[in-house]
C-alpha atoms as a PDB file:
ATOM      1  CA  MET A   1      -1.598 -50.232  47.035  1.00  0.00           C
ATOM      2  CA  SER A   2      -4.086 -47.982  48.827  1.00  0.00           C
ATOM      3  CA  ALA A   3      -5.995 -45.203  47.089  1.00  0.00           C
ATOM      4  CA  ASN A   4      -4.242 -42.647  49.327  1.00  0.00           C
ATOM      5  CA  SER A   5      -0.791 -43.893  48.250  1.00  0.00           C
ATOM      6  CA  GLU A   6      -1.791 -43.731  44.593  1.00  0.00           C
ATOM      7  CA  LYS A   7      -2.969 -40.119  45.018  1.00  0.00           C
ATOM      8  CA  LYS A   8       0.371 -39.171  46.610  1.00  0.00           C
ATOM      9  CA  ILE A   9       2.279 -40.740  43.722  1.00  0.00           C
ATOM     10  CA  LYS A  10       0.116 -38.993  41.108  1.00  0.00           C
ATOM     11  CA  LYS A  11       0.377 -35.704  42.973  1.00  0.00           C
ATOM     12  CA  SER A  12       4.155 -35.892  43.257  1.00  0.00           C
ATOM     13  CA  THR A  13       4.424 -36.804  39.568  1.00  0.00           C
ATOM     14  CA  VAL A  14       2.336 -33.767  38.573  1.00  0.00           C
ATOM     15  CA  LEU A  15       4.387 -31.511  40.856  1.00  0.00           C
ATOM     16  CA  ASN A  16       7.605 -32.910  39.416  1.00  0.00           C
ATOM     17  CA  LYS A  17       6.357 -32.223  35.890  1.00  0.00           C
ATOM     18  CA  ILE A  18       5.440 -28.662  36.818  1.00  0.00           C
ATOM     19  CA  LYS A  19       8.858 -28.141  38.411  1.00  0.00           C
ATOM     20  CA  ALA A  20      10.534 -29.587  35.304  1.00  0.00           C
ATOM     21  CA  VAL A  21       8.622 -27.226  32.975  1.00  0.00           C
ATOM     22  CA  LEU A  22       9.408 -24.230  35.182  1.00  0.00           C
ATOM     23  CA  SER A  23      13.046 -25.283  35.380  1.00  0.00           C
ATOM     24  CA  PHE A  24      13.262 -25.536  31.582  1.00  0.00           C
ATOM     25  CA  CYS A  25      11.651 -22.095  31.181  1.00  0.00           C
ATOM     26  CA  PHE A  26      13.991 -20.598  33.758  1.00  0.00           C
ATOM     27  CA  ILE A  27      17.147 -22.071  32.186  1.00  0.00           C
ATOM     28  CA  TYR A  28      16.046 -20.997  28.716  1.00  0.00           C
ATOM     29  CA  LEU A  29      15.294 -17.419  29.788  1.00  0.00           C
ATOM     30  CA  HIS A  30      18.429 -17.071  31.909  1.00  0.00           C
ATOM     31  CA  LYS A  31      21.002 -18.768  29.674  1.00  0.00           C
ATOM     32  CA  LYS A  32      19.669 -18.827  26.085  1.00  0.00           C
ATOM     33  CA  PHE A  33      16.950 -16.209  25.500  1.00  0.00           C
ATOM     34  CA  LEU A  34      18.222 -13.452  23.189  1.00  0.00           C
ATOM     35  CA  TRP A  35      21.662 -15.073  23.098  1.00  0.00           C
ATOM     36  CA  GLY A  36      22.013 -15.140  26.867  1.00  0.00           C
ATOM     37  CA  VAL A  37      21.372 -11.446  27.438  1.00  0.00           C
ATOM     38  CA  PHE A  38      20.249 -12.174  31.039  1.00  0.00           C
ATOM     39  CA  SER A  39      23.122 -14.518  31.902  1.00  0.00           C
ATOM     40  CA  PHE A  40      25.038 -11.718  33.671  1.00  0.00           C
ATOM     41  CA  ILE A  41      22.364 -11.655  36.399  1.00  0.00           C
ATOM     42  CA  PRO A  42      23.214 -14.012  39.293  1.00  0.00           C
ATOM     43  CA  GLU A  43      21.186 -17.202  38.880  1.00  0.00           C
ATOM     44  CA  LYS A  44      19.394 -17.102  42.248  1.00  0.00           C
ATOM     45  CA  PHE A  45      18.356 -13.451  41.799  1.00  0.00           C
ATOM     46  CA  PHE A  46      17.143 -14.146  38.250  1.00  0.00           C
ATOM     47  CA  LYS A  47      15.162 -17.106  39.560  1.00  0.00           C
ATOM     48  CA  PHE A  48      13.693 -14.785  42.216  1.00  0.00           C
ATOM     49  CA  LEU A  49      12.601 -12.341  39.487  1.00  0.00           C
ATOM     50  CA  PHE A  50      11.240 -15.203  37.340  1.00  0.00           C
ATOM     51  CA  VAL A  51       9.203 -16.643  40.223  1.00  0.00           C
ATOM     52  CA  GLY A  52       8.115 -13.112  41.159  1.00  0.00           C
ATOM     53  CA  ALA A  53       6.718 -12.610  37.659  1.00  0.00           C
ATOM     54  CA  LEU A  54       4.815 -15.904  37.907  1.00  0.00           C
ATOM     55  CA  ASN A  55       3.539 -14.898  41.361  1.00  0.00           C
ATOM     56  CA  THR A  56       2.351 -11.549  40.004  1.00  0.00           C
ATOM     57  CA  LEU A  57       0.418 -13.263  37.208  1.00  0.00           C
ATOM     58  CA  PHE A  58      -1.117 -15.705  39.680  1.00  0.00           C
ATOM     59  CA  SER A  59      -2.112 -12.893  42.060  1.00  0.00           C
ATOM     60  CA  TYR A  60      -3.701 -10.840  39.303  1.00  0.00           C
ATOM     61  CA  PHE A  61      -5.566 -13.918  38.072  1.00  0.00           C
ATOM     62  CA  LEU A  62      -6.979 -14.405  41.587  1.00  0.00           C
ATOM     63  CA  TYR A  63      -8.013 -10.756  41.833  1.00  0.00           C
ATOM     64  CA  ALA A  64      -9.721 -10.882  38.426  1.00  0.00           C
ATOM     65  CA  LEU A  65     -11.433 -14.162  39.330  1.00  0.00           C
ATOM     66  CA  PHE A  66     -12.821 -12.758  42.590  1.00  0.00           C
ATOM     67  CA  VAL A  67     -14.060  -9.583  40.876  1.00  0.00           C
ATOM     68  CA  THR A  68     -15.629 -11.655  38.091  1.00  0.00           C
ATOM     69  CA  ILE A  69     -17.593 -13.797  40.540  1.00  0.00           C
ATOM     70  CA  GLY A  70     -18.968 -10.654  42.189  1.00  0.00           C
ATOM     71  CA  PHE A  71     -16.613  -9.603  45.000  1.00  0.00           C
ATOM     72  CA  LYS A  72     -16.138  -5.862  45.544  1.00  0.00           C
ATOM     73  CA  ALA A  73     -12.640  -4.683  44.537  1.00  0.00           C
ATOM     74  CA  ASN A  74     -11.356  -4.267  48.122  1.00  0.00           C
ATOM     75  CA  LEU A  75     -12.628  -7.696  49.197  1.00  0.00           C
ATOM     76  CA  ALA A  76     -11.147  -9.273  46.059  1.00  0.00           C
ATOM     77  CA  LEU A  77      -7.836  -7.564  46.842  1.00  0.00           C
ATOM     78  CA  PHE A  78      -7.922  -8.819  50.438  1.00  0.00           C
ATOM     79  CA  PHE A  79      -8.455 -12.471  49.445  1.00  0.00           C
ATOM     80  CA  GLN A  80      -5.969 -12.181  46.587  1.00  0.00           C
ATOM     81  CA  TYR A  81      -3.368 -10.789  48.990  1.00  0.00           C
ATOM     82  CA  VAL A  82      -3.893 -13.480  51.635  1.00  0.00           C
ATOM     83  CA  ILE A  83      -3.786 -16.339  49.121  1.00  0.00           C
ATOM     84  CA  GLY A  84      -0.999 -14.596  47.210  1.00  0.00           C
ATOM     85  CA  VAL A  85       1.289 -14.310  50.243  1.00  0.00           C
ATOM     86  CA  ILE A  86       0.883 -18.026  50.990  1.00  0.00           C
ATOM     87  CA  TRP A  87       1.454 -18.894  47.307  1.00  0.00           C
ATOM     88  CA  ASN A  88       4.495 -16.587  47.134  1.00  0.00           C
ATOM     89  CA  PHE A  89       5.910 -18.092  50.334  1.00  0.00           C
ATOM     90  CA  LYS A  90       5.714 -21.598  48.894  1.00  0.00           C
ATOM     91  CA  THR A  91       6.974 -20.784  45.395  1.00  0.00           C
ATOM     92  CA  THR A  92       9.769 -18.484  46.543  1.00  0.00           C
ATOM     93  CA  GLY A  93      10.825 -20.860  49.304  1.00  0.00           C
ATOM     94  CA  VAL A  94      10.790 -24.033  47.219  1.00  0.00           C
ATOM     95  CA  LEU A  95      11.761 -22.799  43.746  1.00  0.00           C
ATOM     96  CA  VAL A  96      14.224 -20.031  44.611  1.00  0.00           C
ATOM     97  CA  PHE A  97      15.703 -20.911  47.994  1.00  0.00           C
ATOM     98  CA  LYS A  98      15.089 -24.707  47.981  1.00  0.00           C
ATOM     99  CA  ASN A  99      13.457 -24.484  51.409  1.00  0.00           C
ATOM    100  CA  ASN A 100      10.104 -26.045  52.312  1.00  0.00           C
ATOM    101  CA  ASN A 101      10.009 -25.088  56.012  1.00  0.00           C
ATOM    102  CA  ASN A 102       6.499 -23.764  56.762  1.00  0.00           C
ATOM    103  CA  LYS A 103       7.661 -22.366  60.123  1.00  0.00           C
ATOM    104  CA  LEU A 104       9.345 -19.508  58.245  1.00  0.00           C
ATOM    105  CA  ILE A 105       6.070 -17.918  57.088  1.00  0.00           C
ATOM    106  CA  PHE A 106       6.004 -15.415  59.976  1.00  0.00           C
ATOM    107  CA  LYS A 107       9.420 -14.052  58.974  1.00  0.00           C
ATOM    108  CA  PHE A 108       8.302 -14.055  55.338  1.00  0.00           C
ATOM    109  CA  VAL A 109       5.236 -11.965  56.169  1.00  0.00           C
ATOM    110  CA  LEU A 110       7.400  -9.562  58.217  1.00  0.00           C
ATOM    111  CA  CYS A 111       9.617  -9.052  55.177  1.00  0.00           C
ATOM    112  CA  TYR A 112       6.538  -8.344  53.057  1.00  0.00           C
ATOM    113  CA  ILE A 113       5.323  -5.788  55.604  1.00  0.00           C
ATOM    114  CA  PHE A 114       8.752  -4.132  55.724  1.00  0.00           C
ATOM    115  CA  THR A 115       9.089  -3.892  51.948  1.00  0.00           C
ATOM    116  CA  PHE A 116       5.524  -2.597  51.680  1.00  0.00           C
ATOM    117  CA  ILE A 117       6.269   0.187  54.176  1.00  0.00           C
ATOM    118  CA  LEU A 118       9.599   0.999  52.487  1.00  0.00           C
ATOM    119  CA  ASN A 119       7.891   1.044  49.089  1.00  0.00           C
ATOM    120  CA  SER A 120       5.126   3.311  50.425  1.00  0.00           C
ATOM    121  CA  VAL A 121       7.569   5.812  51.966  1.00  0.00           C
ATOM    122  CA  LEU A 122       9.764   5.966  48.858  1.00  0.00           C
ATOM    123  CA  LEU A 123       6.713   6.236  46.626  1.00  0.00           C
ATOM    124  CA  LYS A 124       5.449   9.200  48.632  1.00  0.00           C
ATOM    125  CA  LEU A 125       8.859  10.890  48.254  1.00  0.00           C
ATOM    126  CA  LEU A 126       9.036  10.252  44.505  1.00  0.00           C
ATOM    127  CA  LEU A 127       5.526  11.585  43.971  1.00  0.00           C
ATOM    128  CA  ASN A 128       6.958  15.039  44.693  1.00  0.00           C
ATOM    129  CA  TYR A 129       8.955  14.738  41.447  1.00  0.00           C
ATOM    130  CA  THR A 130       6.931  12.584  39.070  1.00  0.00           C
ATOM    131  CA  ASN A 131       3.576  10.885  38.526  1.00  0.00           C
ATOM    132  CA  SER A 132       2.470   7.709  40.298  1.00  0.00           C
ATOM    133  CA  TYR A 133       3.100   5.407  37.317  1.00  0.00           C
ATOM    134  CA  ILE A 134       6.701   6.458  36.807  1.00  0.00           C
ATOM    135  CA  ALA A 135       7.385   6.632  40.562  1.00  0.00           C
ATOM    136  CA  GLN A 136       6.338   3.014  41.132  1.00  0.00           C
ATOM    137  CA  ALA A 137       8.114   1.880  37.973  1.00  0.00           C
ATOM    138  CA  ILE A 138      11.345   3.417  39.335  1.00  0.00           C
ATOM    139  CA  LEU A 139      10.876   1.514  42.608  1.00  0.00           C
ATOM    140  CA  ILE A 140      10.200  -1.969  41.206  1.00  0.00           C
ATOM    141  CA  LEU A 141      13.827  -3.085  40.876  1.00  0.00           C
ATOM    142  CA  PRO A 142      15.173  -1.506  44.115  1.00  0.00           C
ATOM    143  CA  ILE A 143      12.301  -3.002  46.127  1.00  0.00           C
ATOM    144  CA  ALA A 144      12.833  -6.394  44.428  1.00  0.00           C
ATOM    145  CA  ILE A 145      16.528  -6.260  45.404  1.00  0.00           C
ATOM    146  CA  VAL A 146      15.711  -5.349  49.023  1.00  0.00           C
ATOM    147  CA  SER A 147      13.075  -8.087  49.140  1.00  0.00           C
ATOM    148  CA  PHE A 148      15.494 -10.676  47.728  1.00  0.00           C
ATOM    149  CA  LEU A 149      18.216  -9.737  50.214  1.00  0.00           C
ATOM    150  CA  LEU A 150      15.817  -9.810  53.168  1.00  0.00           C
ATOM    151  CA  LEU A 151      14.438 -13.201  52.179  1.00  0.00           C
ATOM    152  CA  LYS A 152      17.924 -14.579  51.540  1.00  0.00           C
ATOM    153  CA  VAL A 153      19.448 -13.306  54.818  1.00  0.00           C
ATOM    154  CA  PHE A 154      16.507 -13.176  57.213  1.00  0.00           C
ATOM    155  CA  VAL A 155      14.054 -15.883  56.099  1.00  0.00           C
ATOM    156  CA  PHE A 156      15.642 -18.587  53.948  1.00  0.00           C
ATOM    157  CA  LYS A 157      19.217 -18.391  55.322  1.00  0.00           C
END
């Protein structure tokens, strides 16, 4: 067996283990955590929220890493965003929608741009009535729902 073949086998085994751990965590949180309190949420949408939380942690980790090694905040944000979008595309596509087609990234990025603009406009409107922390907190779930629907209908059909 060639060294390249052995690397592929090891890599796929590690990826399978990661998927298995994530799958266990997802099933536990969705079906069993706090006596199944989240089980009323449709499974695919809950998985989308679960993966979104993991993506948020990963993105913040990248930002903090870049700032720690000396990048200015805006440059750290730029690299975090670029890497984060690619990471989110892969995790959302594979783990939520069971789709590994890399040709869909353009549509994925368009959805991100759309939801960013929508979020920005709604945030500006809400800032007339409340502070920036509460305004964005109010928008998290509606923007997540719009994002999920766009990705489900437009990207990962």
